Amino acid sequence: MVAETIDIKSRGRGIRRSTGEYVFALLNGTALVGLALVMLYPLMHVLAVSLSSPDFINAGLVSWVPRGLNIAGYELILQNPDLLRAYANTVAYAGIGTFITLTLTSMVAYSLAVPGFVLRTQLTIYLAITMFFNGGLIPTYLLIRSLGMMNTFLVMVLPMAIQAFTVFVFRAFFRTVPNELRESAFIDGANDLRICFQIILPLSKPVLATFGLFSVVGHWNRWFEALIYLRDPRRYPLQMILRRFLIREQLSLAFETSEAASLVLQGVVHAENLKMAVIVVTMLPILCVYPFVQKYFTKGVIIGAIKG
């Protein structure tokens, strides 16, 4: 026992590590670096192609470093009114949709976390069923049409506002908050709505930040709902514009102008310049948001699940 204690203390001071620990650290670091390179290379390649000269792109000399700086692709796409309108639509869908999702999910999860709630068991079973069964695409389409939500703003933010898994994680996290806070607030005259938004939610920043980011990314990447339910191109999200750029071979149709095609024929810009530039512009905001919320991931998801 004494020998084990001395060994633990010596390791804590960083005096000596075994050969196995050195080998594991080396293999672990090598694997992580390799995995990081595998994930970063496609992003760097897209960025490099978007900034490279058409001559180097035609010769196939662009890998992950730009060759012959060329920003004509960015200048052209940023002048496109459809892209700017789609950007504004996506920001609105992501912002308002995330707010609705977090608000409704928090209210449902708080109801399930409150001791003595009469319908807690029935509501939990109902939510659990939705995790395994759904109505399908055609019944969902008929429901959306009967509700008068076709080609509206609400069709992009309401149908997926509440998900059972998110509710259960929120409930598990809310249960970690001492019930004495709720009881003391009741004594001071607060109701459940005020307790939820002024006491519970300020203490739940990790889970709010984590699933808030999940919701923003989900709304940012959503295009299938727009393809089915939206008919007005002015309401299209950013991913619909990206889809139009990537699957259409004629740039003049993608831009609804002949300027892009003429620049391609003149050799000023390459078709791949435009496609990769649109991809970069589309994914850049999400990449900038991730580092600020990364620290909440483990605490928001793992702790809530374990305590639940």
C-alpha atoms as a PDB file:
ATOM      1  CA  MET A   1       0.000   0.000   0.000  1.00  0.00           C
ATOM      2  CA  VAL A   2       2.841   2.370   0.858  1.00  0.00           C
ATOM      3  CA  ALA A   3       4.639   1.495  -2.378  1.00  0.00           C
ATOM      4  CA  GLU A   4       1.499   2.245  -4.415  1.00  0.00           C
ATOM      5  CA  THR A   5       1.093   5.590  -2.639  1.00  0.00           C
ATOM      6  CA  ILE A   6       4.711   6.534  -3.366  1.00  0.00           C
ATOM      7  CA  ASP A   7       4.307   5.489  -6.993  1.00  0.00           C
ATOM      8  CA  ILE A   8       1.131   7.601  -7.369  1.00  0.00           C
ATOM      9  CA  LYS A   9       2.842  10.628  -5.805  1.00  0.00           C
ATOM     10  CA  SER A  10       5.883  10.244  -8.045  1.00  0.00           C
ATOM     11  CA  ARG A  11       3.699  10.082 -11.142  1.00  0.00           C
ATOM     12  CA  GLY A  12       1.754  13.137  -9.983  1.00  0.00           C
ATOM     13  CA  ARG A  13       5.033  15.058  -9.765  1.00  0.00           C
ATOM     14  CA  GLY A  14       5.969  13.972 -13.295  1.00  0.00           C
ATOM     15  CA  ILE A  15       9.189  12.217 -12.230  1.00  0.00           C
ATOM     16  CA  ARG A  16       8.965   9.096 -14.404  1.00  0.00           C
ATOM     17  CA  ARG A  17       6.593   7.398 -16.803  1.00  0.00           C
ATOM     18  CA  SER A  18       6.703   3.815 -17.924  1.00  0.00           C
ATOM     19  CA  THR A  19       7.647   2.722 -21.436  1.00  0.00           C
ATOM     20  CA  GLY A  20       4.072   1.655 -22.103  1.00  0.00           C
ATOM     21  CA  GLU A  21       2.799   5.124 -21.258  1.00  0.00           C
ATOM     22  CA  TYR A  22       5.298   6.737 -23.630  1.00  0.00           C
ATOM     23  CA  VAL A  23       4.315   4.332 -26.422  1.00  0.00           C
ATOM     24  CA  PHE A  24       0.608   4.959 -25.832  1.00  0.00           C
ATOM     25  CA  ALA A  25       1.089   8.743 -25.818  1.00  0.00           C
ATOM     26  CA  LEU A  26       3.084   8.538 -29.057  1.00  0.00           C
ATOM     27  CA  LEU A  27       0.556   6.323 -30.829  1.00  0.00           C
ATOM     28  CA  ASN A  28      -2.351   8.397 -29.531  1.00  0.00           C
ATOM     29  CA  GLY A  29      -0.789  11.651 -30.693  1.00  0.00           C
ATOM     30  CA  THR A  30       0.082  10.191 -34.086  1.00  0.00           C
ATOM     31  CA  ALA A  31      -3.461   8.905 -34.583  1.00  0.00           C
ATOM     32  CA  LEU A  32      -4.986  12.250 -33.603  1.00  0.00           C
ATOM     33  CA  VAL A  33      -2.676  14.180 -35.916  1.00  0.00           C
ATOM     34  CA  GLY A  34      -3.487  11.808 -38.776  1.00  0.00           C
ATOM     35  CA  LEU A  35      -7.209  12.131 -38.111  1.00  0.00           C
ATOM     36  CA  ALA A  36      -6.931  15.921 -38.021  1.00  0.00           C
ATOM     37  CA  LEU A  37      -5.110  15.914 -41.376  1.00  0.00           C
ATOM     38  CA  VAL A  38      -7.733  13.651 -42.914  1.00  0.00           C
ATOM     39  CA  MET A  39     -10.477  16.073 -41.867  1.00  0.00           C
ATOM     40  CA  LEU A  40      -8.567  19.259 -42.710  1.00  0.00           C
ATOM     41  CA  TYR A  41      -7.344  18.281 -46.154  1.00  0.00           C
ATOM     42  CA  PRO A  42     -10.772  18.493 -47.901  1.00  0.00           C
ATOM     43  CA  LEU A  43     -11.381  21.907 -46.349  1.00  0.00           C
ATOM     44  CA  MET A  44      -7.945  23.161 -47.350  1.00  0.00           C
ATOM     45  CA  HIS A  45      -8.398  21.784 -50.865  1.00  0.00           C
ATOM     46  CA  VAL A  46     -11.722  23.577 -51.281  1.00  0.00           C
ATOM     47  CA  LEU A  47     -10.204  26.833 -50.026  1.00  0.00           C
ATOM     48  CA  ALA A  48      -7.141  26.430 -52.243  1.00  0.00           C
ATOM     49  CA  VAL A  49      -9.179  25.809 -55.399  1.00  0.00           C
ATOM     50  CA  SER A  50     -11.416  28.795 -54.677  1.00  0.00           C
ATOM     51  CA  LEU A  51      -8.348  31.060 -54.538  1.00  0.00           C
ATOM     52  CA  SER A  52      -6.285  29.555 -57.379  1.00  0.00           C
ATOM     53  CA  SER A  53      -5.755  30.701 -60.948  1.00  0.00           C
ATOM     54  CA  PRO A  54      -7.714  28.923 -63.727  1.00  0.00           C
ATOM     55  CA  ASP A  55      -4.444  27.863 -65.406  1.00  0.00           C
ATOM     56  CA  PHE A  56      -3.292  25.907 -62.351  1.00  0.00           C
ATOM     57  CA  ILE A  57      -6.761  24.383 -61.902  1.00  0.00           C
ATOM     58  CA  ASN A  58      -6.840  23.172 -65.504  1.00  0.00           C
ATOM     59  CA  ALA A  59      -3.362  21.687 -65.100  1.00  0.00           C
ATOM     60  CA  GLY A  60      -4.436  19.847 -61.935  1.00  0.00           C
ATOM     61  CA  LEU A  61      -1.663  21.419 -59.837  1.00  0.00           C
ATOM     62  CA  VAL A  62      -3.820  22.620 -56.935  1.00  0.00           C
ATOM     63  CA  SER A  63      -3.812  20.420 -53.834  1.00  0.00           C
ATOM     64  CA  TRP A  64      -4.153  22.235 -50.505  1.00  0.00           C
ATOM     65  CA  VAL A  65      -2.124  25.401 -51.206  1.00  0.00           C
ATOM     66  CA  PRO A  66      -3.499  28.126 -53.536  1.00  0.00           C
ATOM     67  CA  ARG A  67      -1.566  28.548 -56.797  1.00  0.00           C
ATOM     68  CA  GLY A  68      -1.770  31.943 -58.428  1.00  0.00           C
ATOM     69  CA  LEU A  69      -3.984  34.040 -56.174  1.00  0.00           C
ATOM     70  CA  ASN A  70      -7.363  34.715 -57.772  1.00  0.00           C
ATOM     71  CA  ILE A  71     -10.337  36.187 -55.896  1.00  0.00           C
ATOM     72  CA  ALA A  72     -12.524  36.778 -58.949  1.00  0.00           C
ATOM     73  CA  GLY A  73     -14.788  33.907 -57.900  1.00  0.00           C
ATOM     74  CA  TYR A  74     -15.558  35.543 -54.548  1.00  0.00           C
ATOM     75  CA  GLU A  75     -16.113  38.918 -56.160  1.00  0.00           C
ATOM     76  CA  LEU A  76     -18.600  37.389 -58.577  1.00  0.00           C
ATOM     77  CA  ILE A  77     -20.649  35.350 -56.124  1.00  0.00           C
ATOM     78  CA  LEU A  78     -20.824  38.155 -53.550  1.00  0.00           C
ATOM     79  CA  GLN A  79     -22.474  40.324 -56.205  1.00  0.00           C
ATOM     80  CA  ASN A  80     -25.183  37.735 -56.759  1.00  0.00           C
ATOM     81  CA  PRO A  81     -28.489  38.976 -55.232  1.00  0.00           C
ATOM     82  CA  ASP A  82     -29.851  35.430 -54.891  1.00  0.00           C
ATOM     83  CA  LEU A  83     -26.934  34.416 -52.667  1.00  0.00           C
ATOM     84  CA  LEU A  84     -27.244  37.480 -50.444  1.00  0.00           C
ATOM     85  CA  ARG A  85     -31.006  36.974 -50.089  1.00  0.00           C
ATOM     86  CA  ALA A  86     -30.498  33.302 -49.275  1.00  0.00           C
ATOM     87  CA  TYR A  87     -27.907  34.293 -46.667  1.00  0.00           C
ATOM     88  CA  ALA A  88     -30.422  36.564 -44.962  1.00  0.00           C
ATOM     89  CA  ASN A  89     -33.096  33.851 -45.105  1.00  0.00           C
ATOM     90  CA  THR A  90     -30.768  31.253 -43.586  1.00  0.00           C
ATOM     91  CA  VAL A  91     -29.694  33.574 -40.785  1.00  0.00           C
ATOM     92  CA  ALA A  92     -33.355  34.242 -39.992  1.00  0.00           C
ATOM     93  CA  TYR A  93     -34.261  30.538 -40.123  1.00  0.00           C
ATOM     94  CA  ALA A  94     -31.317  29.572 -37.923  1.00  0.00           C
ATOM     95  CA  GLY A  95     -31.727  32.374 -35.388  1.00  0.00           C
ATOM     96  CA  ILE A  96     -35.490  32.301 -34.941  1.00  0.00           C
ATOM     97  CA  GLY A  97     -35.673  28.516 -35.299  1.00  0.00           C
ATOM     98  CA  THR A  98     -33.035  27.998 -32.602  1.00  0.00           C
ATOM     99  CA  PHE A  99     -34.818  30.411 -30.271  1.00  0.00           C
ATOM    100  CA  ILE A 100     -38.120  28.559 -30.751  1.00  0.00           C
ATOM    101  CA  THR A 101     -36.439  25.182 -30.302  1.00  0.00           C
ATOM    102  CA  LEU A 102     -34.651  26.101 -27.079  1.00  0.00           C
ATOM    103  CA  THR A 103     -37.719  27.836 -25.633  1.00  0.00           C
ATOM    104  CA  LEU A 104     -40.208  25.041 -26.314  1.00  0.00           C
ATOM    105  CA  THR A 105     -37.753  22.284 -25.401  1.00  0.00           C
ATOM    106  CA  SER A 106     -36.908  23.969 -22.103  1.00  0.00           C
ATOM    107  CA  MET A 107     -40.581  24.343 -21.169  1.00  0.00           C
ATOM    108  CA  VAL A 108     -41.393  20.700 -21.957  1.00  0.00           C
ATOM    109  CA  ALA A 109     -38.265  19.411 -20.199  1.00  0.00           C
ATOM    110  CA  TYR A 110     -38.988  21.542 -17.111  1.00  0.00           C
ATOM    111  CA  SER A 111     -42.491  20.070 -16.909  1.00  0.00           C
ATOM    112  CA  LEU A 112     -41.054  16.549 -17.000  1.00  0.00           C
ATOM    113  CA  ALA A 113     -38.403  17.392 -14.409  1.00  0.00           C
ATOM    114  CA  VAL A 114     -40.831  18.864 -11.869  1.00  0.00           C
ATOM    115  CA  PRO A 115     -41.797  16.345  -9.163  1.00  0.00           C
ATOM    116  CA  GLY A 116     -45.511  15.714  -8.931  1.00  0.00           C
ATOM    117  CA  PHE A 117     -46.442  16.697 -12.490  1.00  0.00           C
ATOM    118  CA  VAL A 118     -49.626  14.713 -13.207  1.00  0.00           C
ATOM    119  CA  LEU A 119     -49.044  13.904 -16.885  1.00  0.00           C
ATOM    120  CA  ARG A 120     -45.306  13.289 -16.624  1.00  0.00           C
ATOM    121  CA  THR A 121     -45.482   9.540 -17.341  1.00  0.00           C
ATOM    122  CA  GLN A 122     -47.929   9.888 -20.231  1.00  0.00           C
ATOM    123  CA  LEU A 123     -45.941  12.697 -21.837  1.00  0.00           C
ATOM    124  CA  THR A 124     -42.685  10.771 -21.459  1.00  0.00           C
ATOM    125  CA  ILE A 125     -44.182   7.716 -23.184  1.00  0.00           C
ATOM    126  CA  TYR A 126     -45.576   9.893 -25.971  1.00  0.00           C
ATOM    127  CA  LEU A 127     -42.186  11.500 -26.592  1.00  0.00           C
ATOM    128  CA  ALA A 128     -40.412   8.142 -26.465  1.00  0.00           C
ATOM    129  CA  ILE A 129     -42.726   6.756 -29.161  1.00  0.00           C
ATOM    130  CA  THR A 130     -41.814   9.613 -31.500  1.00  0.00           C
ATOM    131  CA  MET A 131     -38.163   8.559 -31.287  1.00  0.00           C
ATOM    132  CA  PHE A 132     -38.959   5.261 -33.059  1.00  0.00           C
ATOM    133  CA  PHE A 133     -41.988   6.031 -35.247  1.00  0.00           C
ATOM    134  CA  ASN A 134     -43.062   8.906 -37.473  1.00  0.00           C
ATOM    135  CA  GLY A 135     -45.832   9.553 -39.943  1.00  0.00           C
ATOM    136  CA  GLY A 136     -43.664   9.423 -43.031  1.00  0.00           C
ATOM    137  CA  LEU A 137     -43.003  11.910 -45.784  1.00  0.00           C
ATOM    138  CA  ILE A 138     -46.389  11.930 -47.521  1.00  0.00           C
ATOM    139  CA  PRO A 139     -48.540  12.239 -44.345  1.00  0.00           C
ATOM    140  CA  THR A 140     -46.223  14.974 -43.113  1.00  0.00           C
ATOM    141  CA  TYR A 141     -46.590  16.815 -46.419  1.00  0.00           C
ATOM    142  CA  LEU A 142     -50.386  16.530 -46.252  1.00  0.00           C
ATOM    143  CA  LEU A 143     -50.350  17.782 -42.663  1.00  0.00           C
ATOM    144  CA  ILE A 144     -48.192  20.792 -43.542  1.00  0.00           C
ATOM    145  CA  ARG A 145     -50.481  21.615 -46.467  1.00  0.00           C
ATOM    146  CA  SER A 146     -53.646  21.280 -44.370  1.00  0.00           C
ATOM    147  CA  LEU A 147     -52.185  23.640 -41.774  1.00  0.00           C
ATOM    148  CA  GLY A 148     -51.586  26.279 -44.443  1.00  0.00           C
ATOM    149  CA  MET A 149     -47.822  26.349 -43.875  1.00  0.00           C
ATOM    150  CA  MET A 150     -46.751  25.703 -47.469  1.00  0.00           C
ATOM    151  CA  ASN A 151     -44.335  28.307 -48.815  1.00  0.00           C
ATOM    152  CA  THR A 152     -44.204  30.165 -45.488  1.00  0.00           C
ATOM    153  CA  PHE A 153     -41.507  31.092 -43.016  1.00  0.00           C
ATOM    154  CA  LEU A 154     -42.965  28.845 -40.306  1.00  0.00           C
ATOM    155  CA  VAL A 155     -42.530  25.669 -42.342  1.00  0.00           C
ATOM    156  CA  MET A 156     -38.755  26.033 -41.938  1.00  0.00           C
ATOM    157  CA  VAL A 157     -38.752  26.511 -38.158  1.00  0.00           C
ATOM    158  CA  LEU A 158     -41.771  24.785 -36.592  1.00  0.00           C
ATOM    159  CA  PRO A 159     -42.003  21.144 -37.804  1.00  0.00           C
ATOM    160  CA  MET A 160     -38.683  20.129 -36.170  1.00  0.00           C
ATOM    161  CA  ALA A 161     -38.828  22.511 -33.218  1.00  0.00           C
ATOM    162  CA  ILE A 162     -39.069  19.811 -30.527  1.00  0.00           C
ATOM    163  CA  GLN A 163     -37.225  16.491 -30.586  1.00  0.00           C
ATOM    164  CA  ALA A 164     -37.610  13.799 -27.953  1.00  0.00           C
ATOM    165  CA  PHE A 165     -33.905  13.159 -27.461  1.00  0.00           C
ATOM    166  CA  THR A 166     -33.204  16.830 -26.792  1.00  0.00           C
ATOM    167  CA  VAL A 167     -36.100  17.002 -24.325  1.00  0.00           C
ATOM    168  CA  PHE A 168     -34.756  14.016 -22.380  1.00  0.00           C
ATOM    169  CA  VAL A 169     -31.253  15.483 -22.194  1.00  0.00           C
ATOM    170  CA  PHE A 170     -32.665  18.819 -20.995  1.00  0.00           C
ATOM    171  CA  ARG A 171     -34.776  17.006 -18.408  1.00  0.00           C
ATOM    172  CA  ALA A 172     -31.761  15.091 -17.124  1.00  0.00           C
ATOM    173  CA  PHE A 173     -29.777  18.331 -16.832  1.00  0.00           C
ATOM    174  CA  PHE A 174     -32.616  20.176 -15.087  1.00  0.00           C
ATOM    175  CA  ARG A 175     -32.792  17.415 -12.489  1.00  0.00           C
ATOM    176  CA  THR A 176     -29.235  18.221 -11.429  1.00  0.00           C
ATOM    177  CA  VAL A 177     -30.417  21.631 -10.214  1.00  0.00           C
ATOM    178  CA  PRO A 178     -31.283  21.402  -6.482  1.00  0.00           C
ATOM    179  CA  ASN A 179     -35.033  21.302  -5.897  1.00  0.00           C
ATOM    180  CA  GLU A 180     -34.567  23.638  -2.929  1.00  0.00           C
ATOM    181  CA  LEU A 181     -34.104  26.528  -5.368  1.00  0.00           C
ATOM    182  CA  ARG A 182     -37.516  25.878  -6.828  1.00  0.00           C
ATOM    183  CA  GLU A 183     -39.127  25.553  -3.401  1.00  0.00           C
ATOM    184  CA  SER A 184     -37.579  28.788  -2.167  1.00  0.00           C
ATOM    185  CA  ALA A 185     -38.746  30.590  -5.304  1.00  0.00           C
ATOM    186  CA  PHE A 186     -42.278  29.290  -4.723  1.00  0.00           C
ATOM    187  CA  ILE A 187     -42.163  30.671  -1.197  1.00  0.00           C
ATOM    188  CA  ASP A 188     -41.171  34.060  -2.608  1.00  0.00           C
ATOM    189  CA  GLY A 189     -44.215  33.985  -4.903  1.00  0.00           C
ATOM    190  CA  ALA A 190     -42.682  32.900  -8.229  1.00  0.00           C
ATOM    191  CA  ASN A 191     -44.636  30.651 -10.585  1.00  0.00           C
ATOM    192  CA  ASP A 192     -43.281  27.791 -12.697  1.00  0.00           C
ATOM    193  CA  LEU A 193     -42.821  29.943 -15.791  1.00  0.00           C
ATOM    194  CA  ARG A 194     -40.682  32.431 -13.925  1.00  0.00           C
ATOM    195  CA  ILE A 195     -38.714  29.679 -12.181  1.00  0.00           C
ATOM    196  CA  CYS A 196     -37.980  28.010 -15.499  1.00  0.00           C
ATOM    197  CA  PHE A 197     -36.719  31.106 -17.303  1.00  0.00           C
ATOM    198  CA  GLN A 198     -35.130  33.051 -14.453  1.00  0.00           C
ATOM    199  CA  ILE A 199     -33.662  30.304 -12.258  1.00  0.00           C
ATOM    200  CA  ILE A 200     -33.302  27.007 -14.125  1.00  0.00           C
ATOM    201  CA  LEU A 201     -32.201  28.248 -17.556  1.00  0.00           C
ATOM    202  CA  PRO A 202     -29.451  30.615 -16.273  1.00  0.00           C
ATOM    203  CA  LEU A 203     -27.956  27.584 -14.499  1.00  0.00           C
ATOM    204  CA  SER A 204     -28.161  25.472 -17.671  1.00  0.00           C
ATOM    205  CA  LYS A 205     -25.868  27.426 -19.988  1.00  0.00           C
ATOM    206  CA  PRO A 206     -23.782  24.371 -21.029  1.00  0.00           C
ATOM    207  CA  VAL A 207     -26.752  22.384 -22.330  1.00  0.00           C
ATOM    208  CA  LEU A 208     -28.313  25.488 -23.898  1.00  0.00           C
ATOM    209  CA  ALA A 209     -25.087  26.368 -25.697  1.00  0.00           C
ATOM    210  CA  THR A 210     -24.515  22.803 -26.881  1.00  0.00           C
ATOM    211  CA  PHE A 211     -27.954  22.128 -28.289  1.00  0.00           C
ATOM    212  CA  GLY A 212     -28.261  25.707 -29.454  1.00  0.00           C
ATOM    213  CA  LEU A 213     -25.260  25.077 -31.687  1.00  0.00           C
ATOM    214  CA  PHE A 214     -26.745  21.773 -32.837  1.00  0.00           C
ATOM    215  CA  SER A 215     -29.944  23.583 -33.756  1.00  0.00           C
ATOM    216  CA  VAL A 216     -28.117  26.371 -35.605  1.00  0.00           C
ATOM    217  CA  VAL A 217     -26.116  23.853 -37.624  1.00  0.00           C
ATOM    218  CA  GLY A 218     -29.265  21.855 -38.364  1.00  0.00           C
ATOM    219  CA  HIS A 219     -31.136  24.901 -39.644  1.00  0.00           C
ATOM    220  CA  TRP A 220     -28.073  26.130 -41.534  1.00  0.00           C
ATOM    221  CA  ASN A 221     -27.722  22.838 -43.429  1.00  0.00           C
ATOM    222  CA  ARG A 222     -31.446  22.284 -44.002  1.00  0.00           C
ATOM    223  CA  TRP A 223     -32.464  22.128 -47.648  1.00  0.00           C
ATOM    224  CA  PHE A 224     -34.798  19.140 -48.057  1.00  0.00           C
ATOM    225  CA  GLU A 225     -37.705  20.923 -46.380  1.00  0.00           C
ATOM    226  CA  ALA A 226     -37.131  23.925 -48.646  1.00  0.00           C
ATOM    227  CA  LEU A 227     -37.115  21.655 -51.684  1.00  0.00           C
ATOM    228  CA  ILE A 228     -40.479  20.151 -50.722  1.00  0.00           C
ATOM    229  CA  TYR A 229     -42.402  22.979 -49.082  1.00  0.00           C
ATOM    230  CA  LEU A 230     -41.075  26.213 -50.605  1.00  0.00           C
ATOM    231  CA  ARG A 231     -42.148  27.407 -54.046  1.00  0.00           C
ATOM    232  CA  ASP A 232     -40.964  31.008 -53.928  1.00  0.00           C
ATOM    233  CA  PRO A 233     -37.214  31.292 -54.751  1.00  0.00           C
ATOM    234  CA  ARG A 234     -37.071  34.425 -52.621  1.00  0.00           C
ATOM    235  CA  ARG A 235     -37.609  32.259 -49.544  1.00  0.00           C
ATOM    236  CA  TYR A 236     -34.884  29.742 -50.398  1.00  0.00           C
ATOM    237  CA  PRO A 237     -32.187  29.105 -47.766  1.00  0.00           C
ATOM    238  CA  LEU A 238     -28.497  29.168 -48.520  1.00  0.00           C
ATOM    239  CA  GLN A 239     -28.233  25.419 -49.076  1.00  0.00           C
ATOM    240  CA  MET A 240     -30.704  25.581 -51.951  1.00  0.00           C
ATOM    241  CA  ILE A 241     -28.465  28.108 -53.697  1.00  0.00           C
ATOM    242  CA  LEU A 242     -25.456  25.892 -53.019  1.00  0.00           C
ATOM    243  CA  ARG A 243     -27.333  22.926 -54.490  1.00  0.00           C
ATOM    244  CA  ARG A 244     -28.132  24.943 -57.595  1.00  0.00           C
ATOM    245  CA  PHE A 245     -24.479  25.830 -58.053  1.00  0.00           C
ATOM    246  CA  LEU A 246     -23.169  22.298 -57.588  1.00  0.00           C
ATOM    247  CA  ILE A 247     -25.634  20.246 -59.630  1.00  0.00           C
ATOM    248  CA  ARG A 248     -26.137  22.597 -62.571  1.00  0.00           C
ATOM    249  CA  GLU A 249     -23.468  22.430 -65.215  1.00  0.00           C
ATOM    250  CA  GLN A 250     -24.273  25.775 -66.806  1.00  0.00           C
ATOM    251  CA  LEU A 251     -23.139  28.656 -64.639  1.00  0.00           C
ATOM    252  CA  SER A 252     -25.319  31.087 -66.546  1.00  0.00           C
ATOM    253  CA  LEU A 253     -28.387  29.181 -65.290  1.00  0.00           C
ATOM    254  CA  ALA A 254     -27.045  29.071 -61.750  1.00  0.00           C
ATOM    255  CA  PHE A 255     -26.464  32.822 -61.746  1.00  0.00           C
ATOM    256  CA  GLU A 256     -29.413  33.653 -63.990  1.00  0.00           C
ATOM    257  CA  THR A 257     -26.981  35.839 -65.930  1.00  0.00           C
ATOM    258  CA  SER A 258     -24.402  35.344 -68.661  1.00  0.00           C
ATOM    259  CA  GLU A 259     -21.667  37.218 -66.771  1.00  0.00           C
ATOM    260  CA  ALA A 260     -20.285  34.106 -65.115  1.00  0.00           C
ATOM    261  CA  ALA A 261     -20.170  32.135 -68.358  1.00  0.00           C
ATOM    262  CA  SER A 262     -18.449  34.988 -70.183  1.00  0.00           C
ATOM    263  CA  LEU A 263     -15.780  35.259 -67.480  1.00  0.00           C
ATOM    264  CA  VAL A 264     -15.191  31.526 -67.711  1.00  0.00           C
ATOM    265  CA  LEU A 265     -14.747  31.750 -71.485  1.00  0.00           C
ATOM    266  CA  GLN A 266     -12.303  34.634 -71.060  1.00  0.00           C
ATOM    267  CA  GLY A 267     -10.227  32.593 -68.630  1.00  0.00           C
ATOM    268  CA  VAL A 268     -10.660  35.126 -65.806  1.00  0.00           C
ATOM    269  CA  VAL A 269     -12.374  32.635 -63.510  1.00  0.00           C
ATOM    270  CA  HIS A 270     -12.780  28.873 -63.546  1.00  0.00           C
ATOM    271  CA  ALA A 271     -16.036  27.035 -62.930  1.00  0.00           C
ATOM    272  CA  GLU A 272     -14.390  25.292 -59.955  1.00  0.00           C
ATOM    273  CA  ASN A 273     -13.457  28.718 -58.547  1.00  0.00           C
ATOM    274  CA  LEU A 274     -17.121  29.615 -58.324  1.00  0.00           C
ATOM    275  CA  LYS A 275     -18.260  26.277 -56.919  1.00  0.00           C
ATOM    276  CA  MET A 276     -15.587  26.133 -54.233  1.00  0.00           C
ATOM    277  CA  ALA A 277     -16.054  29.808 -53.363  1.00  0.00           C
ATOM    278  CA  VAL A 278     -19.752  29.217 -52.759  1.00  0.00           C
ATOM    279  CA  ILE A 279     -18.900  26.252 -50.509  1.00  0.00           C
ATOM    280  CA  VAL A 280     -16.453  28.366 -48.493  1.00  0.00           C
ATOM    281  CA  VAL A 281     -18.906  31.245 -48.116  1.00  0.00           C
ATOM    282  CA  THR A 282     -21.608  28.775 -47.048  1.00  0.00           C
ATOM    283  CA  MET A 283     -19.643  26.951 -44.360  1.00  0.00           C
ATOM    284  CA  LEU A 284     -17.483  29.808 -43.039  1.00  0.00           C
ATOM    285  CA  PRO A 285     -19.966  31.215 -40.450  1.00  0.00           C
ATOM    286  CA  ILE A 286     -20.509  27.818 -38.837  1.00  0.00           C
ATOM    287  CA  LEU A 287     -16.769  27.181 -38.663  1.00  0.00           C
ATOM    288  CA  CYS A 288     -16.337  30.512 -36.889  1.00  0.00           C
ATOM    289  CA  VAL A 289     -19.027  29.698 -34.317  1.00  0.00           C
ATOM    290  CA  TYR A 290     -17.740  26.261 -33.305  1.00  0.00           C
ATOM    291  CA  PRO A 291     -14.632  27.342 -31.309  1.00  0.00           C
ATOM    292  CA  PHE A 292     -16.702  29.572 -29.020  1.00  0.00           C
ATOM    293  CA  VAL A 293     -19.107  26.775 -28.027  1.00  0.00           C
ATOM    294  CA  GLN A 294     -16.708  23.815 -28.112  1.00  0.00           C
ATOM    295  CA  LYS A 295     -15.961  24.003 -24.376  1.00  0.00           C
ATOM    296  CA  TYR A 296     -19.628  23.356 -23.523  1.00  0.00           C
ATOM    297  CA  PHE A 297     -19.950  20.109 -25.514  1.00  0.00           C
ATOM    298  CA  THR A 298     -18.723  17.614 -22.908  1.00  0.00           C
ATOM    299  CA  LYS A 299     -20.363  19.341 -19.971  1.00  0.00           C
ATOM    300  CA  GLY A 300     -23.632  19.914 -21.786  1.00  0.00           C
ATOM    301  CA  VAL A 301     -24.127  16.426 -23.201  1.00  0.00           C
ATOM    302  CA  ILE A 302     -22.112  13.981 -21.069  1.00  0.00           C
ATOM    303  CA  ILE A 303     -22.955  15.374 -17.623  1.00  0.00           C
ATOM    304  CA  GLY A 304     -26.641  15.667 -18.420  1.00  0.00           C
ATOM    305  CA  ALA A 305     -26.751  12.085 -19.662  1.00  0.00           C
ATOM    306  CA  ILE A 306     -24.837  10.665 -16.677  1.00  0.00           C
ATOM    307  CA  LYS A 307     -26.859  12.512 -14.055  1.00  0.00           C
ATOM    308  CA  GLY A 308     -30.093  11.452 -15.801  1.00  0.00           C
END
